[in-house]
């Protein structure tokens, strides 16, 4: 089994919102669950998400999910406290949410559009 921490993702999104890992050569479901349990034990306050998609397909599908649910819409949000990496040389917001400091926007939009009854 090989576990590799991912640093970059698809263009133009160069940073990850979360720690992400590519796990290759898993031989059984039990082995995958062991990896999950180890990460969950080391990170009890985090949500661990596993997908069986290949990396390119997972990123592609994620992009469609963000677009379909308007998760990247910054209208009406205060962007003043965001990381400097969120802005270009003219201090304009880059327009895509790709840093941990922007995560609150995605989370808030998601929960507004997916209210639990």
C-alpha atoms as a PDB file:
ATOM      1  CA  UNK A   1       0.000   0.000   0.000  1.00  0.00           C
ATOM      2  CA  UNK A   2       1.169   3.513  -0.768  1.00  0.00           C
ATOM      3  CA  UNK A   3      -0.186   6.685   0.905  1.00  0.00           C
ATOM      4  CA  UNK A   4       0.874  10.010  -0.572  1.00  0.00           C
ATOM      5  CA  UNK A   5      -0.091  13.447   0.773  1.00  0.00           C
ATOM      6  CA  UNK A   6      -1.396  15.610  -2.046  1.00  0.00           C
ATOM      7  CA  UNK A   7      -0.159  19.173  -2.224  1.00  0.00           C
ATOM      8  CA  UNK A   8      -1.796  20.432  -5.417  1.00  0.00           C
ATOM      9  CA  UNK A   9      -5.027  19.658  -7.127  1.00  0.00           C
ATOM     10  CA  UNK A  10      -6.499  20.511 -10.523  1.00  0.00           C
ATOM     11  CA  UNK A  11      -5.964  23.838 -12.239  1.00  0.00           C
ATOM     12  CA  UNK A  12      -6.677  26.625 -11.397  1.00  0.00           C
ATOM     13  CA  UNK A  13      -7.075  25.468  -7.811  1.00  0.00           C
ATOM     14  CA  UNK A  14      -3.510  25.131  -6.565  1.00  0.00           C
ATOM     15  CA  UNK A  15      -4.129  24.708  -2.854  1.00  0.00           C
ATOM     16  CA  UNK A  16      -6.152  22.163  -0.951  1.00  0.00           C
ATOM     17  CA  UNK A  17      -8.896  23.175   1.440  1.00  0.00           C
ATOM     18  CA  UNK A  18      -8.208  20.023   3.450  1.00  0.00           C
ATOM     19  CA  UNK A  19      -5.388  17.585   4.031  1.00  0.00           C
ATOM     20  CA  UNK A  20      -5.786  15.138   1.153  1.00  0.00           C
ATOM     21  CA  UNK A  21      -4.127  11.820   0.525  1.00  0.00           C
ATOM     22  CA  UNK A  22      -3.965   9.434  -2.400  1.00  0.00           C
ATOM     23  CA  UNK A  23      -4.051   5.808  -1.258  1.00  0.00           C
ATOM     24  CA  UNK A  24      -2.930   3.286  -3.838  1.00  0.00           C
ATOM     25  CA  UNK A  25      -2.661  -0.492  -3.979  1.00  0.00           C
ATOM     26  CA  UNK A  26      -5.267  -1.285  -1.346  1.00  0.00           C
ATOM     27  CA  UNK A  27      -5.825  -5.034  -1.405  1.00  0.00           C
ATOM     28  CA  UNK A  28      -9.049  -5.297   0.580  1.00  0.00           C
ATOM     29  CA  UNK A  29     -11.900  -3.376   2.113  1.00  0.00           C
ATOM     30  CA  UNK A  30     -10.530  -4.292   5.534  1.00  0.00           C
ATOM     31  CA  UNK A  31      -7.184  -2.689   4.668  1.00  0.00           C
ATOM     32  CA  UNK A  32      -8.976   0.496   3.592  1.00  0.00           C
ATOM     33  CA  UNK A  33     -10.957   0.551   6.849  1.00  0.00           C
ATOM     34  CA  UNK A  34      -7.721   0.140   8.801  1.00  0.00           C
ATOM     35  CA  UNK A  35      -6.322   3.241   7.093  1.00  0.00           C
ATOM     36  CA  UNK A  36      -9.546   5.081   7.935  1.00  0.00           C
ATOM     37  CA  UNK A  37      -9.430   4.014  11.590  1.00  0.00           C
ATOM     38  CA  UNK A  38      -5.791   5.113  11.928  1.00  0.00           C
ATOM     39  CA  UNK A  39      -6.498   8.571  10.479  1.00  0.00           C
ATOM     40  CA  UNK A  40      -9.665   8.948  12.576  1.00  0.00           C
ATOM     41  CA  UNK A  41      -7.799   7.964  15.738  1.00  0.00           C
ATOM     42  CA  UNK A  42      -5.065  10.509  15.012  1.00  0.00           C
ATOM     43  CA  UNK A  43      -7.614  13.211  14.068  1.00  0.00           C
ATOM     44  CA  UNK A  44     -10.713  12.679  16.248  1.00  0.00           C
ATOM     45  CA  UNK A  45     -12.062  16.193  15.636  1.00  0.00           C
ATOM     46  CA  UNK A  46     -11.899  15.827  11.827  1.00  0.00           C
ATOM     47  CA  UNK A  47     -14.283  14.279   9.347  1.00  0.00           C
ATOM     48  CA  UNK A  48     -12.513  11.642   7.257  1.00  0.00           C
ATOM     49  CA  UNK A  49     -13.935  11.124   3.771  1.00  0.00           C
ATOM     50  CA  UNK A  50     -12.903   8.247   1.534  1.00  0.00           C
ATOM     51  CA  UNK A  51     -13.781   7.871  -2.140  1.00  0.00           C
ATOM     52  CA  UNK A  52     -13.058   4.984  -4.454  1.00  0.00           C
ATOM     53  CA  UNK A  53     -12.852   7.261  -7.504  1.00  0.00           C
ATOM     54  CA  UNK A  54      -9.559   7.794  -9.180  1.00  0.00           C
ATOM     55  CA  UNK A  55      -8.094  11.205  -8.334  1.00  0.00           C
ATOM     56  CA  UNK A  56      -8.910  12.890 -11.647  1.00  0.00           C
ATOM     57  CA  UNK A  57     -12.511  11.691 -11.556  1.00  0.00           C
ATOM     58  CA  UNK A  58     -12.952  12.772  -7.934  1.00  0.00           C
ATOM     59  CA  UNK A  59     -11.635  16.272  -8.713  1.00  0.00           C
ATOM     60  CA  UNK A  60     -13.812  16.523 -11.837  1.00  0.00           C
ATOM     61  CA  UNK A  61     -16.927  15.456  -9.939  1.00  0.00           C
ATOM     62  CA  UNK A  62     -16.086  17.828  -7.085  1.00  0.00           C
ATOM     63  CA  UNK A  63     -15.888  20.720  -9.546  1.00  0.00           C
ATOM     64  CA  UNK A  64     -19.354  19.911 -10.894  1.00  0.00           C
ATOM     65  CA  UNK A  65     -20.752  19.611  -7.366  1.00  0.00           C
ATOM     66  CA  UNK A  66     -19.347  23.049  -6.484  1.00  0.00           C
ATOM     67  CA  UNK A  67     -20.803  24.573  -9.654  1.00  0.00           C
ATOM     68  CA  UNK A  68     -24.214  22.856  -9.333  1.00  0.00           C
ATOM     69  CA  UNK A  69     -24.598  23.960  -5.705  1.00  0.00           C
ATOM     70  CA  UNK A  70     -23.079  27.444  -6.212  1.00  0.00           C
ATOM     71  CA  UNK A  71     -20.575  26.659  -3.460  1.00  0.00           C
ATOM     72  CA  UNK A  72     -18.017  29.110  -4.823  1.00  0.00           C
ATOM     73  CA  UNK A  73     -20.264  32.200  -4.817  1.00  0.00           C
ATOM     74  CA  UNK A  74     -18.643  34.920  -2.698  1.00  0.00           C
ATOM     75  CA  UNK A  75     -21.386  37.540  -3.162  1.00  0.00           C
ATOM     76  CA  UNK A  76     -22.358  39.029   0.187  1.00  0.00           C
ATOM     77  CA  UNK A  77     -19.397  37.611   2.117  1.00  0.00           C
ATOM     78  CA  UNK A  78     -16.777  39.692   3.912  1.00  0.00           C
ATOM     79  CA  UNK A  79     -13.497  38.705   2.249  1.00  0.00           C
ATOM     80  CA  UNK A  80     -11.316  41.109   4.231  1.00  0.00           C
ATOM     81  CA  UNK A  81      -9.969  38.481   6.628  1.00  0.00           C
ATOM     82  CA  UNK A  82      -8.887  35.996   3.973  1.00  0.00           C
ATOM     83  CA  UNK A  83      -5.357  34.748   3.457  1.00  0.00           C
ATOM     84  CA  UNK A  84      -3.174  36.894   1.171  1.00  0.00           C
ATOM     85  CA  UNK A  85      -2.970  33.954  -1.259  1.00  0.00           C
ATOM     86  CA  UNK A  86      -6.633  34.643  -2.136  1.00  0.00           C
ATOM     87  CA  UNK A  87      -5.756  37.876  -3.926  1.00  0.00           C
ATOM     88  CA  UNK A  88      -3.884  38.832  -7.081  1.00  0.00           C
ATOM     89  CA  UNK A  89      -1.241  41.547  -7.405  1.00  0.00           C
ATOM     90  CA  UNK A  90      -4.003  44.197  -7.661  1.00  0.00           C
ATOM     91  CA  UNK A  91      -5.530  42.970  -4.375  1.00  0.00           C
ATOM     92  CA  UNK A  92      -8.555  41.553  -6.216  1.00  0.00           C
ATOM     93  CA  UNK A  93     -10.036  38.288  -4.973  1.00  0.00           C
ATOM     94  CA  UNK A  94      -9.039  35.485  -7.356  1.00  0.00           C
ATOM     95  CA  UNK A  95     -12.641  34.330  -7.630  1.00  0.00           C
ATOM     96  CA  UNK A  96     -12.192  30.700  -6.717  1.00  0.00           C
ATOM     97  CA  UNK A  97     -12.163  29.297  -3.220  1.00  0.00           C
ATOM     98  CA  UNK A  98      -9.011  27.287  -2.745  1.00  0.00           C
ATOM     99  CA  UNK A  99      -7.571  28.089   0.666  1.00  0.00           C
ATOM    100  CA  UNK A 100      -8.591  27.040   4.185  1.00  0.00           C
ATOM    101  CA  UNK A 101      -9.389  30.668   5.056  1.00  0.00           C
ATOM    102  CA  UNK A 102     -12.212  30.570   2.476  1.00  0.00           C
ATOM    103  CA  UNK A 103     -13.726  27.308   3.678  1.00  0.00           C
ATOM    104  CA  UNK A 104     -16.321  29.052   5.863  1.00  0.00           C
ATOM    105  CA  UNK A 105     -18.014  30.334   2.685  1.00  0.00           C
ATOM    106  CA  UNK A 106     -18.363  26.873   1.136  1.00  0.00           C
ATOM    107  CA  UNK A 107     -19.558  25.396   4.425  1.00  0.00           C
ATOM    108  CA  UNK A 108     -22.150  28.111   4.996  1.00  0.00           C
ATOM    109  CA  UNK A 109     -23.512  27.891   1.443  1.00  0.00           C
ATOM    110  CA  UNK A 110     -23.668  24.101   1.651  1.00  0.00           C
ATOM    111  CA  UNK A 111     -25.656  24.148   4.894  1.00  0.00           C
ATOM    112  CA  UNK A 112     -27.985  26.886   3.605  1.00  0.00           C
ATOM    113  CA  UNK A 113     -28.799  24.859   0.489  1.00  0.00           C
ATOM    114  CA  UNK A 114     -28.962  21.484   2.227  1.00  0.00           C
ATOM    115  CA  UNK A 115     -31.031  22.210   5.315  1.00  0.00           C
ATOM    116  CA  UNK A 116     -31.985  19.197   7.361  1.00  0.00           C
ATOM    117  CA  UNK A 117     -35.667  19.008   8.200  1.00  0.00           C
END
